[in-house]
Amino acid sequence: MWPRISAAIVIAAATSVLVFAQALPNPDGIDLSGSWAARNFTDAIGNMPGGGPRPVDYMGIPLSDVGRAWSLVYSQSQTSEPERICDYYAPTYIGIGPMGLRIWPESELLTGYTTAWMIGGWADFVPITIWMDGRSHPSQYAAHDKSGFTTGVWENDVLTTYTTHMIANLLHRRAPHSDLATMTMRFSRHADILSLTGRIEDPVYLTEPLYVSREWQLSSVPTNRSAVPCSSAFEGIPTGKVPYYLPGQNPFVDEVSKIWGIPQEAVNGGAETIYPEFRKKLKDKYKRPEKCVANASELQAGACGGPGRIQPVVN
């Protein structure tokens, strides 16, 4: 009698485990956890001292007329307002900003299945949750916030994510995105290199998608997994003042053209500037800048554009 009962219990337990295992979602793709140090890429290096793009340099950004108008009246000094010093960027900054990443899984304790991947915050953006449990995105009328709402699925060994519900923010330190913007990201790992390709769409400020790509390298130096504590300090802009430029009065409009000789129609951006064929249009309009010859003291005094401009060729 007892052997039969024991056998029945074993069979029932095994069947339950099998059914439960079959009900679990697909297993994880690959391990993305760790601290990832940013590797240099075009926009991080930029053409400003210390890195980054110039205020009016929209090449390769498919700005609409509305997006360009917004960008030309925007002053980057707004981030120095005491009220905005701790005002973080949107998730789009992952593919555009210069920071490293800290990634870790949040797992279901019984099965070990990853319910969400977390991308830790940095000095410029808040932590982002990538939900892996099949949940739906909220209603279009739901509240938007700094981190947006992101879901993810594994496509073989590539993590594909989709982000909605971001508040209107900066797309690119010098251009905007609206609260209707969405973003698709694809994370893939190759040994100690993490690659990202992203597609950002915005029916208000872009005429077609903006594509971004960049890489990080696995680091043994831990990266902070939460937003760095932020405290406001005086950065030259008094409380209550909002820096801006009136239409037609942005002093940086022709800066890139003067320094590099690049035609203004390229600097102004737009979908046309994304494609290689645009170079043919500029072939006879580009003017190679003259070589700048100056010593260190002359540069400091203002020669060749002066302090704060691109490092010139020094004799």
C-alpha atoms as a PDB file:
ATOM      1  CA  MET A   1       0.000   0.000   0.000  1.00  0.00           C
ATOM      2  CA  TRP A   2       2.666   2.518   1.050  1.00  0.00           C
ATOM      3  CA  PRO A   3       4.936   1.916  -1.966  1.00  0.00           C
ATOM      4  CA  ARG A   4       1.955   2.600  -4.280  1.00  0.00           C
ATOM      5  CA  ILE A   5       1.078   5.811  -2.429  1.00  0.00           C
ATOM      6  CA  SER A   6       4.711   6.957  -2.476  1.00  0.00           C
ATOM      7  CA  ALA A   7       4.945   6.259  -6.183  1.00  0.00           C
ATOM      8  CA  ALA A   8       1.734   8.199  -6.796  1.00  0.00           C
ATOM      9  CA  ILE A   9       3.062  11.161  -4.821  1.00  0.00           C
ATOM     10  CA  VAL A  10       6.337  11.128  -6.756  1.00  0.00           C
ATOM     11  CA  ILE A  11       4.507  10.955 -10.111  1.00  0.00           C
ATOM     12  CA  ALA A  12       2.148  13.788  -9.104  1.00  0.00           C
ATOM     13  CA  ALA A  13       5.021  15.949  -7.907  1.00  0.00           C
ATOM     14  CA  ALA A  14       7.022  15.346 -11.069  1.00  0.00           C
ATOM     15  CA  THR A  15       3.990  16.136 -13.218  1.00  0.00           C
ATOM     16  CA  SER A  16       3.397  19.371 -11.299  1.00  0.00           C
ATOM     17  CA  VAL A  17       7.019  20.432 -11.741  1.00  0.00           C
ATOM     18  CA  LEU A  18       6.853  19.621 -15.456  1.00  0.00           C
ATOM     19  CA  VAL A  19       3.638  21.618 -15.941  1.00  0.00           C
ATOM     20  CA  PHE A  20       5.015  24.515 -13.909  1.00  0.00           C
ATOM     21  CA  ALA A  21       8.260  24.482 -15.899  1.00  0.00           C
ATOM     22  CA  GLN A  22       6.322  24.519 -19.170  1.00  0.00           C
ATOM     23  CA  ALA A  23       4.380  27.557 -17.966  1.00  0.00           C
ATOM     24  CA  LEU A  24       7.523  29.596 -17.363  1.00  0.00           C
ATOM     25  CA  PRO A  25       8.510  32.239 -19.931  1.00  0.00           C
ATOM     26  CA  ASN A  26      11.443  31.705 -22.264  1.00  0.00           C
ATOM     27  CA  PRO A  27      14.862  31.675 -20.543  1.00  0.00           C
ATOM     28  CA  ASP A  28      17.129  34.709 -20.506  1.00  0.00           C
ATOM     29  CA  GLY A  29      19.216  35.486 -23.569  1.00  0.00           C
ATOM     30  CA  ILE A  30      22.671  36.402 -22.241  1.00  0.00           C
ATOM     31  CA  ASP A  31      24.012  38.027 -19.091  1.00  0.00           C
ATOM     32  CA  LEU A  32      24.131  41.822 -19.370  1.00  0.00           C
ATOM     33  CA  SER A  33      24.903  42.485 -15.711  1.00  0.00           C
ATOM     34  CA  GLY A  34      27.941  44.429 -14.617  1.00  0.00           C
ATOM     35  CA  SER A  35      29.561  47.840 -14.735  1.00  0.00           C
ATOM     36  CA  TRP A  36      30.107  49.076 -18.270  1.00  0.00           C
ATOM     37  CA  ALA A  37      32.580  51.864 -18.999  1.00  0.00           C
ATOM     38  CA  ALA A  38      31.768  54.183 -21.889  1.00  0.00           C
ATOM     39  CA  ARG A  39      33.999  53.984 -24.928  1.00  0.00           C
ATOM     40  CA  ASN A  40      34.606  57.129 -26.944  1.00  0.00           C
ATOM     41  CA  PHE A  41      32.212  57.772 -29.785  1.00  0.00           C
ATOM     42  CA  THR A  42      31.613  60.682 -32.132  1.00  0.00           C
ATOM     43  CA  ASP A  43      29.159  62.707 -30.111  1.00  0.00           C
ATOM     44  CA  ALA A  44      30.904  62.139 -26.787  1.00  0.00           C
ATOM     45  CA  ILE A  45      34.184  63.423 -28.214  1.00  0.00           C
ATOM     46  CA  GLY A  46      32.460  66.194 -30.158  1.00  0.00           C
ATOM     47  CA  ASN A  47      34.264  69.330 -31.187  1.00  0.00           C
ATOM     48  CA  MET A  48      34.160  71.304 -27.953  1.00  0.00           C
ATOM     49  CA  PRO A  49      37.006  71.474 -25.419  1.00  0.00           C
ATOM     50  CA  GLY A  50      36.315  68.649 -22.984  1.00  0.00           C
ATOM     51  CA  GLY A  51      33.996  66.933 -25.455  1.00  0.00           C
ATOM     52  CA  GLY A  52      30.440  67.356 -26.602  1.00  0.00           C
ATOM     53  CA  PRO A  53      28.779  69.124 -29.528  1.00  0.00           C
ATOM     54  CA  ARG A  54      28.573  72.858 -30.176  1.00  0.00           C
ATOM     55  CA  PRO A  55      25.305  74.658 -29.352  1.00  0.00           C
ATOM     56  CA  VAL A  56      24.187  74.985 -32.981  1.00  0.00           C
ATOM     57  CA  ASP A  57      25.306  71.806 -34.692  1.00  0.00           C
ATOM     58  CA  TYR A  58      22.294  69.813 -35.837  1.00  0.00           C
ATOM     59  CA  MET A  59      23.986  67.777 -38.579  1.00  0.00           C
ATOM     60  CA  GLY A  60      22.570  64.276 -38.765  1.00  0.00           C
ATOM     61  CA  ILE A  61      19.475  65.120 -36.682  1.00  0.00           C
ATOM     62  CA  PRO A  62      16.217  64.905 -38.712  1.00  0.00           C
ATOM     63  CA  LEU A  63      14.721  68.005 -37.091  1.00  0.00           C
ATOM     64  CA  SER A  64      11.370  69.296 -38.260  1.00  0.00           C
ATOM     65  CA  ASP A  65      10.911  73.043 -38.735  1.00  0.00           C
ATOM     66  CA  VAL A  66       9.329  73.156 -35.273  1.00  0.00           C
ATOM     67  CA  GLY A  67      12.233  71.217 -33.775  1.00  0.00           C
ATOM     68  CA  ARG A  68      14.781  73.554 -35.360  1.00  0.00           C
ATOM     69  CA  ALA A  69      12.909  76.653 -34.157  1.00  0.00           C
ATOM     70  CA  TRP A  70      12.829  75.232 -30.607  1.00  0.00           C
ATOM     71  CA  SER A  71      16.555  74.440 -30.730  1.00  0.00           C
ATOM     72  CA  LEU A  72      17.564  77.914 -31.927  1.00  0.00           C
ATOM     73  CA  VAL A  73      15.867  79.704 -29.024  1.00  0.00           C
ATOM     74  CA  TYR A  74      17.088  77.186 -26.427  1.00  0.00           C
ATOM     75  CA  SER A  75      20.151  78.080 -24.336  1.00  0.00           C
ATOM     76  CA  GLN A  76      22.218  75.279 -22.832  1.00  0.00           C
ATOM     77  CA  SER A  77      22.715  77.550 -19.823  1.00  0.00           C
ATOM     78  CA  GLN A  78      19.236  76.496 -18.726  1.00  0.00           C
ATOM     79  CA  THR A  79      20.809  73.420 -17.136  1.00  0.00           C
ATOM     80  CA  SER A  80      22.628  75.807 -14.782  1.00  0.00           C
ATOM     81  CA  GLU A  81      19.403  77.233 -13.375  1.00  0.00           C
ATOM     82  CA  PRO A  82      19.222  76.303  -9.670  1.00  0.00           C
ATOM     83  CA  GLU A  83      15.782  74.799 -10.352  1.00  0.00           C
ATOM     84  CA  ARG A  84      17.155  72.580 -13.144  1.00  0.00           C
ATOM     85  CA  ILE A  85      20.619  71.538 -12.002  1.00  0.00           C
ATOM     86  CA  CYS A  86      19.140  68.270 -10.707  1.00  0.00           C
ATOM     87  CA  ASP A  87      16.627  67.947 -13.540  1.00  0.00           C
ATOM     88  CA  TYR A  88      17.591  64.675 -15.203  1.00  0.00           C
ATOM     89  CA  TYR A  89      17.646  63.724 -18.870  1.00  0.00           C
ATOM     90  CA  ALA A  90      15.244  61.236 -20.459  1.00  0.00           C
ATOM     91  CA  PRO A  91      16.175  57.608 -21.341  1.00  0.00           C
ATOM     92  CA  THR A  92      17.173  58.807 -24.842  1.00  0.00           C
ATOM     93  CA  TYR A  93      20.370  60.029 -23.188  1.00  0.00           C
ATOM     94  CA  ILE A  94      21.546  56.423 -22.799  1.00  0.00           C
ATOM     95  CA  GLY A  95      22.402  56.289 -26.488  1.00  0.00           C
ATOM     96  CA  ILE A  96      23.624  59.863 -26.749  1.00  0.00           C
ATOM     97  CA  GLY A  97      25.277  60.852 -23.476  1.00  0.00           C
ATOM     98  CA  PRO A  98      28.849  60.102 -22.362  1.00  0.00           C
ATOM     99  CA  MET A  99      28.113  58.025 -19.256  1.00  0.00           C
ATOM    100  CA  GLY A 100      28.858  54.455 -18.286  1.00  0.00           C
ATOM    101  CA  LEU A 101      26.157  51.985 -17.247  1.00  0.00           C
ATOM    102  CA  ARG A 102      25.453  49.697 -14.311  1.00  0.00           C
ATOM    103  CA  ILE A 103      23.090  46.873 -15.302  1.00  0.00           C
ATOM    104  CA  TRP A 104      21.632  44.189 -13.061  1.00  0.00           C
ATOM    105  CA  PRO A 105      18.650  41.764 -13.106  1.00  0.00           C
ATOM    106  CA  GLU A 106      15.713  41.684 -10.739  1.00  0.00           C
ATOM    107  CA  SER A 107      14.750  38.023 -10.411  1.00  0.00           C
ATOM    108  CA  GLU A 108      11.744  36.039  -9.237  1.00  0.00           C
ATOM    109  CA  LEU A 109      13.060  34.239  -6.169  1.00  0.00           C
ATOM    110  CA  LEU A 110      11.336  30.867  -6.677  1.00  0.00           C
ATOM    111  CA  THR A 111      12.325  30.248 -10.306  1.00  0.00           C
ATOM    112  CA  GLY A 112      15.218  32.671 -10.793  1.00  0.00           C
ATOM    113  CA  TYR A 113      13.514  34.052 -13.889  1.00  0.00           C
ATOM    114  CA  THR A 114      14.456  37.669 -14.640  1.00  0.00           C
ATOM    115  CA  THR A 115      11.362  39.826 -14.286  1.00  0.00           C
ATOM    116  CA  ALA A 116      13.187  43.067 -15.096  1.00  0.00           C
ATOM    117  CA  TRP A 117      16.578  44.430 -16.115  1.00  0.00           C
ATOM    118  CA  MET A 118      17.671  47.609 -14.344  1.00  0.00           C
ATOM    119  CA  ILE A 119      19.894  50.280 -15.840  1.00  0.00           C
ATOM    120  CA  GLY A 120      21.289  52.279 -12.954  1.00  0.00           C
ATOM    121  CA  GLY A 121      21.199  56.033 -12.851  1.00  0.00           C
ATOM    122  CA  TRP A 122      24.091  58.369 -13.397  1.00  0.00           C
ATOM    123  CA  ALA A 123      24.697  62.068 -12.809  1.00  0.00           C
ATOM    124  CA  ASP A 124      22.339  62.901 -15.656  1.00  0.00           C
ATOM    125  CA  PHE A 125      19.478  60.379 -15.652  1.00  0.00           C
ATOM    126  CA  VAL A 126      17.413  58.333 -13.227  1.00  0.00           C
ATOM    127  CA  PRO A 127      17.396  54.506 -13.113  1.00  0.00           C
ATOM    128  CA  ILE A 128      15.390  52.758 -15.821  1.00  0.00           C
ATOM    129  CA  THR A 129      13.386  49.542 -15.406  1.00  0.00           C
ATOM    130  CA  ILE A 130      13.080  47.199 -18.406  1.00  0.00           C
ATOM    131  CA  TRP A 131      10.097  44.932 -17.659  1.00  0.00           C
ATOM    132  CA  MET A 132      10.549  41.373 -18.961  1.00  0.00           C
ATOM    133  CA  ASP A 133       7.349  39.796 -17.615  1.00  0.00           C
ATOM    134  CA  GLY A 134       5.110  40.473 -20.616  1.00  0.00           C
ATOM    135  CA  ARG A 135       3.160  43.369 -19.124  1.00  0.00           C
ATOM    136  CA  SER A 136       1.516  45.892 -21.442  1.00  0.00           C
ATOM    137  CA  HIS A 137       2.377  49.550 -21.771  1.00  0.00           C
ATOM    138  CA  PRO A 138       0.048  51.946 -19.905  1.00  0.00           C
ATOM    139  CA  SER A 139      -2.717  53.926 -21.562  1.00  0.00           C
ATOM    140  CA  GLN A 140      -1.639  56.896 -23.668  1.00  0.00           C
ATOM    141  CA  TYR A 141      -3.316  59.063 -21.017  1.00  0.00           C
ATOM    142  CA  ALA A 142      -1.212  57.667 -18.169  1.00  0.00           C
ATOM    143  CA  ALA A 143       1.323  59.907 -16.445  1.00  0.00           C
ATOM    144  CA  HIS A 144       4.723  60.414 -18.082  1.00  0.00           C
ATOM    145  CA  ASP A 145       7.905  60.617 -16.017  1.00  0.00           C
ATOM    146  CA  LYS A 146      11.690  60.960 -16.286  1.00  0.00           C
ATOM    147  CA  SER A 147      12.374  57.252 -16.740  1.00  0.00           C
ATOM    148  CA  GLY A 148       9.484  56.515 -19.098  1.00  0.00           C
ATOM    149  CA  PHE A 149       8.018  53.007 -19.313  1.00  0.00           C
ATOM    150  CA  THR A 150      10.132  50.278 -20.930  1.00  0.00           C
ATOM    151  CA  THR A 151       9.433  46.652 -21.807  1.00  0.00           C
ATOM    152  CA  GLY A 152      11.875  44.137 -23.242  1.00  0.00           C
ATOM    153  CA  VAL A 153      12.023  40.793 -25.030  1.00  0.00           C
ATOM    154  CA  TRP A 154      14.888  38.541 -26.015  1.00  0.00           C
ATOM    155  CA  GLU A 155      15.353  38.012 -29.742  1.00  0.00           C
ATOM    156  CA  ASN A 156      17.908  35.191 -29.687  1.00  0.00           C
ATOM    157  CA  ASP A 157      20.804  36.803 -27.770  1.00  0.00           C
ATOM    158  CA  VAL A 158      19.720  40.413 -28.352  1.00  0.00           C
ATOM    159  CA  LEU A 159      17.637  42.313 -25.800  1.00  0.00           C
ATOM    160  CA  THR A 160      15.138  44.491 -27.655  1.00  0.00           C
ATOM    161  CA  THR A 161      13.405  47.184 -25.598  1.00  0.00           C
ATOM    162  CA  TYR A 162      10.621  49.664 -26.286  1.00  0.00           C
ATOM    163  CA  THR A 163      10.168  52.896 -24.284  1.00  0.00           C
ATOM    164  CA  THR A 164       7.102  55.134 -24.087  1.00  0.00           C
ATOM    165  CA  HIS A 165       5.679  57.664 -21.593  1.00  0.00           C
ATOM    166  CA  MET A 166       8.756  59.892 -21.435  1.00  0.00           C
ATOM    167  CA  ILE A 167       8.152  63.500 -20.456  1.00  0.00           C
ATOM    168  CA  ALA A 168       9.141  66.183 -22.955  1.00  0.00           C
ATOM    169  CA  ASN A 169      12.867  66.625 -22.562  1.00  0.00           C
ATOM    170  CA  LEU A 170      16.171  67.068 -24.364  1.00  0.00           C
ATOM    171  CA  LEU A 171      16.764  64.519 -27.080  1.00  0.00           C
ATOM    172  CA  HIS A 172      20.289  65.586 -27.739  1.00  0.00           C
ATOM    173  CA  ARG A 173      21.785  68.197 -25.383  1.00  0.00           C
ATOM    174  CA  ARG A 174      20.887  70.782 -28.059  1.00  0.00           C
ATOM    175  CA  ALA A 175      17.602  69.512 -29.521  1.00  0.00           C
ATOM    176  CA  PRO A 176      14.233  68.475 -28.029  1.00  0.00           C
ATOM    177  CA  HIS A 177      11.863  65.540 -27.969  1.00  0.00           C
ATOM    178  CA  SER A 178       8.181  65.725 -27.105  1.00  0.00           C
ATOM    179  CA  ASP A 179       6.143  63.577 -24.721  1.00  0.00           C
ATOM    180  CA  LEU A 180       4.973  61.587 -27.761  1.00  0.00           C
ATOM    181  CA  ALA A 181       8.492  60.334 -28.464  1.00  0.00           C
ATOM    182  CA  THR A 182       9.207  56.593 -28.363  1.00  0.00           C
ATOM    183  CA  MET A 183      12.469  54.676 -28.409  1.00  0.00           C
ATOM    184  CA  THR A 184      13.509  51.170 -29.450  1.00  0.00           C
ATOM    185  CA  MET A 185      16.878  49.874 -28.240  1.00  0.00           C
ATOM    186  CA  ARG A 186      18.773  46.688 -29.040  1.00  0.00           C
ATOM    187  CA  PHE A 187      21.474  45.552 -26.599  1.00  0.00           C
ATOM    188  CA  SER A 188      23.930  42.863 -27.687  1.00  0.00           C
ATOM    189  CA  ARG A 189      27.013  41.568 -25.921  1.00  0.00           C
ATOM    190  CA  HIS A 190      30.224  40.366 -27.558  1.00  0.00           C
ATOM    191  CA  ALA A 191      32.657  39.136 -24.883  1.00  0.00           C
ATOM    192  CA  ASP A 192      33.444  42.281 -22.839  1.00  0.00           C
ATOM    193  CA  ILE A 193      31.819  44.724 -25.281  1.00  0.00           C
ATOM    194  CA  LEU A 194      28.190  45.846 -24.976  1.00  0.00           C
ATOM    195  CA  SER A 195      26.717  47.370 -28.137  1.00  0.00           C
ATOM    196  CA  LEU A 196      23.580  49.471 -28.450  1.00  0.00           C
ATOM    197  CA  THR A 197      21.649  50.473 -31.534  1.00  0.00           C
ATOM    198  CA  GLY A 198      18.655  52.714 -30.992  1.00  0.00           C
ATOM    199  CA  ARG A 199      15.765  54.199 -32.960  1.00  0.00           C
ATOM    200  CA  ILE A 200      14.063  57.336 -31.616  1.00  0.00           C
ATOM    201  CA  GLU A 201      10.801  58.541 -33.152  1.00  0.00           C
ATOM    202  CA  ASP A 202       8.969  61.778 -32.453  1.00  0.00           C
ATOM    203  CA  PRO A 203       6.031  63.033 -34.550  1.00  0.00           C
ATOM    204  CA  VAL A 204       6.483  66.593 -33.235  1.00  0.00           C
ATOM    205  CA  TYR A 205      10.173  67.491 -33.483  1.00  0.00           C
ATOM    206  CA  LEU A 206      11.513  64.908 -35.971  1.00  0.00           C
ATOM    207  CA  THR A 207      10.509  64.236 -39.564  1.00  0.00           C
ATOM    208  CA  GLU A 208      11.873  60.682 -39.517  1.00  0.00           C
ATOM    209  CA  PRO A 209      13.576  58.382 -36.980  1.00  0.00           C
ATOM    210  CA  LEU A 210      16.912  59.262 -35.421  1.00  0.00           C
ATOM    211  CA  TYR A 211      19.276  56.286 -35.207  1.00  0.00           C
ATOM    212  CA  VAL A 212      22.028  56.108 -32.614  1.00  0.00           C
ATOM    213  CA  SER A 213      24.693  53.531 -31.801  1.00  0.00           C
ATOM    214  CA  ARG A 214      27.468  53.222 -29.249  1.00  0.00           C
ATOM    215  CA  GLU A 215      29.472  50.772 -27.162  1.00  0.00           C
ATOM    216  CA  TRP A 216      30.631  50.142 -23.605  1.00  0.00           C
ATOM    217  CA  GLN A 217      33.331  47.869 -22.200  1.00  0.00           C
ATOM    218  CA  LEU A 218      32.993  45.682 -19.112  1.00  0.00           C
ATOM    219  CA  SER A 219      34.854  47.251 -16.207  1.00  0.00           C
ATOM    220  CA  SER A 220      36.089  45.917 -12.878  1.00  0.00           C
ATOM    221  CA  VAL A 221      35.528  49.353 -11.364  1.00  0.00           C
ATOM    222  CA  PRO A 222      31.974  49.469  -9.943  1.00  0.00           C
ATOM    223  CA  THR A 223      29.600  52.065 -11.333  1.00  0.00           C
ATOM    224  CA  ASN A 224      27.089  53.631  -8.983  1.00  0.00           C
ATOM    225  CA  ARG A 225      23.781  51.793  -9.452  1.00  0.00           C
ATOM    226  CA  SER A 226      21.631  54.764  -8.424  1.00  0.00           C
ATOM    227  CA  ALA A 227      21.549  58.390  -9.468  1.00  0.00           C
ATOM    228  CA  VAL A 228      24.471  60.277  -7.970  1.00  0.00           C
ATOM    229  CA  PRO A 229      23.144  62.435  -5.095  1.00  0.00           C
ATOM    230  CA  CYS A 230      22.598  65.881  -6.543  1.00  0.00           C
ATOM    231  CA  SER A 231      22.797  69.176  -4.691  1.00  0.00           C
ATOM    232  CA  SER A 232      22.110  72.542  -6.241  1.00  0.00           C
ATOM    233  CA  ALA A 233      24.878  75.151  -6.300  1.00  0.00           C
ATOM    234  CA  PHE A 234      25.329  78.499  -8.000  1.00  0.00           C
ATOM    235  CA  GLU A 235      26.544  78.032 -11.583  1.00  0.00           C
ATOM    236  CA  GLY A 236      26.208  81.597 -12.775  1.00  0.00           C
ATOM    237  CA  ILE A 237      22.446  81.705 -13.373  1.00  0.00           C
ATOM    238  CA  PRO A 238      20.327  83.347 -10.636  1.00  0.00           C
ATOM    239  CA  THR A 239      17.116  81.793  -9.363  1.00  0.00           C
ATOM    240  CA  GLY A 240      14.109  82.667 -11.510  1.00  0.00           C
ATOM    241  CA  LYS A 241      16.066  83.551 -14.651  1.00  0.00           C
ATOM    242  CA  VAL A 242      15.548  81.385 -17.755  1.00  0.00           C
ATOM    243  CA  PRO A 243      18.323  81.855 -20.353  1.00  0.00           C
ATOM    244  CA  TYR A 244      17.044  81.877 -23.942  1.00  0.00           C
ATOM    245  CA  TYR A 245      17.583  83.511 -27.345  1.00  0.00           C
ATOM    246  CA  LEU A 246      14.987  85.515 -29.204  1.00  0.00           C
ATOM    247  CA  PRO A 247      14.299  84.304 -32.751  1.00  0.00           C
ATOM    248  CA  GLY A 248      17.176  85.316 -35.011  1.00  0.00           C
ATOM    249  CA  GLN A 249      19.462  86.299 -32.115  1.00  0.00           C
ATOM    250  CA  ASN A 250      21.262  83.044 -31.308  1.00  0.00           C
ATOM    251  CA  PRO A 251      24.962  84.040 -31.395  1.00  0.00           C
ATOM    252  CA  PHE A 252      26.150  80.522 -32.215  1.00  0.00           C
ATOM    253  CA  VAL A 253      24.206  80.055 -35.453  1.00  0.00           C
ATOM    254  CA  ASP A 254      27.221  80.389 -37.767  1.00  0.00           C
ATOM    255  CA  GLU A 255      29.945  79.266 -35.343  1.00  0.00           C
ATOM    256  CA  VAL A 256      30.483  75.838 -36.912  1.00  0.00           C
ATOM    257  CA  SER A 257      30.540  77.339 -40.400  1.00  0.00           C
ATOM    258  CA  LYS A 258      33.171  79.897 -39.395  1.00  0.00           C
ATOM    259  CA  ILE A 259      35.401  77.372 -37.639  1.00  0.00           C
ATOM    260  CA  TRP A 260      35.119  74.421 -39.994  1.00  0.00           C
ATOM    261  CA  GLY A 261      33.932  75.984 -43.232  1.00  0.00           C
ATOM    262  CA  ILE A 262      30.886  73.693 -43.291  1.00  0.00           C
ATOM    263  CA  PRO A 263      27.921  75.217 -45.179  1.00  0.00           C
ATOM    264  CA  GLN A 264      25.140  76.492 -42.957  1.00  0.00           C
ATOM    265  CA  GLU A 265      22.536  74.291 -44.641  1.00  0.00           C
ATOM    266  CA  ALA A 266      24.391  71.269 -43.247  1.00  0.00           C
ATOM    267  CA  VAL A 267      24.725  72.751 -39.768  1.00  0.00           C
ATOM    268  CA  ASN A 268      20.980  73.396 -39.667  1.00  0.00           C
ATOM    269  CA  GLY A 269      20.295  69.662 -39.755  1.00  0.00           C
ATOM    270  CA  GLY A 270      17.247  67.935 -41.154  1.00  0.00           C
ATOM    271  CA  ALA A 271      16.646  64.481 -42.574  1.00  0.00           C
ATOM    272  CA  GLU A 272      18.681  65.246 -45.693  1.00  0.00           C
ATOM    273  CA  THR A 273      21.865  65.623 -43.631  1.00  0.00           C
ATOM    274  CA  ILE A 274      21.666  62.023 -42.431  1.00  0.00           C
ATOM    275  CA  TYR A 275      22.431  60.408 -45.753  1.00  0.00           C
ATOM    276  CA  PRO A 276      25.806  60.064 -47.539  1.00  0.00           C
ATOM    277  CA  GLU A 277      24.357  61.540 -50.732  1.00  0.00           C
ATOM    278  CA  PHE A 278      24.175  64.915 -48.991  1.00  0.00           C
ATOM    279  CA  ARG A 279      27.943  65.235 -49.399  1.00  0.00           C
ATOM    280  CA  LYS A 280      27.502  65.611 -53.137  1.00  0.00           C
ATOM    281  CA  LYS A 281      25.325  68.654 -52.559  1.00  0.00           C
ATOM    282  CA  LEU A 282      28.057  70.245 -50.446  1.00  0.00           C
ATOM    283  CA  LYS A 283      30.962  69.344 -52.714  1.00  0.00           C
ATOM    284  CA  ASP A 284      31.424  72.825 -54.171  1.00  0.00           C
ATOM    285  CA  LYS A 285      30.308  74.742 -51.067  1.00  0.00           C
ATOM    286  CA  TYR A 286      32.776  73.527 -48.472  1.00  0.00           C
ATOM    287  CA  LYS A 287      35.593  75.954 -47.681  1.00  0.00           C
ATOM    288  CA  ARG A 288      38.629  74.478 -45.989  1.00  0.00           C
ATOM    289  CA  PRO A 289      39.563  76.628 -42.952  1.00  0.00           C
ATOM    290  CA  GLU A 290      42.950  78.269 -42.958  1.00  0.00           C
ATOM    291  CA  LYS A 291      45.570  76.776 -40.689  1.00  0.00           C
ATOM    292  CA  CYS A 292      45.689  78.557 -37.350  1.00  0.00           C
ATOM    293  CA  VAL A 293      49.198  79.429 -36.181  1.00  0.00           C
ATOM    294  CA  ALA A 294      49.455  80.622 -32.592  1.00  0.00           C
ATOM    295  CA  ASN A 295      51.366  79.948 -29.414  1.00  0.00           C
ATOM    296  CA  ALA A 296      49.813  79.117 -26.062  1.00  0.00           C
ATOM    297  CA  SER A 297      49.684  82.698 -24.769  1.00  0.00           C
ATOM    298  CA  GLU A 298      48.117  83.949 -27.995  1.00  0.00           C
ATOM    299  CA  LEU A 299      45.457  81.253 -27.793  1.00  0.00           C
ATOM    300  CA  GLN A 300      44.658  82.223 -24.235  1.00  0.00           C
ATOM    301  CA  ALA A 301      44.350  85.843 -25.309  1.00  0.00           C
ATOM    302  CA  GLY A 302      41.806  84.991 -27.981  1.00  0.00           C
ATOM    303  CA  ALA A 303      43.702  84.030 -31.125  1.00  0.00           C
ATOM    304  CA  CYS A 304      42.024  81.562 -33.494  1.00  0.00           C
ATOM    305  CA  GLY A 305      38.682  81.856 -31.763  1.00  0.00           C
ATOM    306  CA  GLY A 306      40.009  82.204 -28.242  1.00  0.00           C
ATOM    307  CA  PRO A 307      39.317  80.225 -25.059  1.00  0.00           C
ATOM    308  CA  GLY A 308      36.356  77.883 -25.177  1.00  0.00           C
ATOM    309  CA  ARG A 309      36.692  77.131 -28.863  1.00  0.00           C
ATOM    310  CA  ILE A 310      38.078  74.175 -30.738  1.00  0.00           C
ATOM    311  CA  GLN A 311      41.776  73.502 -30.189  1.00  0.00           C
ATOM    312  CA  PRO A 312      43.508  74.905 -33.283  1.00  0.00           C
ATOM    313  CA  VAL A 313      46.492  73.598 -35.172  1.00  0.00           C
ATOM    314  CA  VAL A 314      49.530  74.954 -33.323  1.00  0.00           C
ATOM    315  CA  ASN A 315      52.858  75.617 -35.010  1.00  0.00           C
END
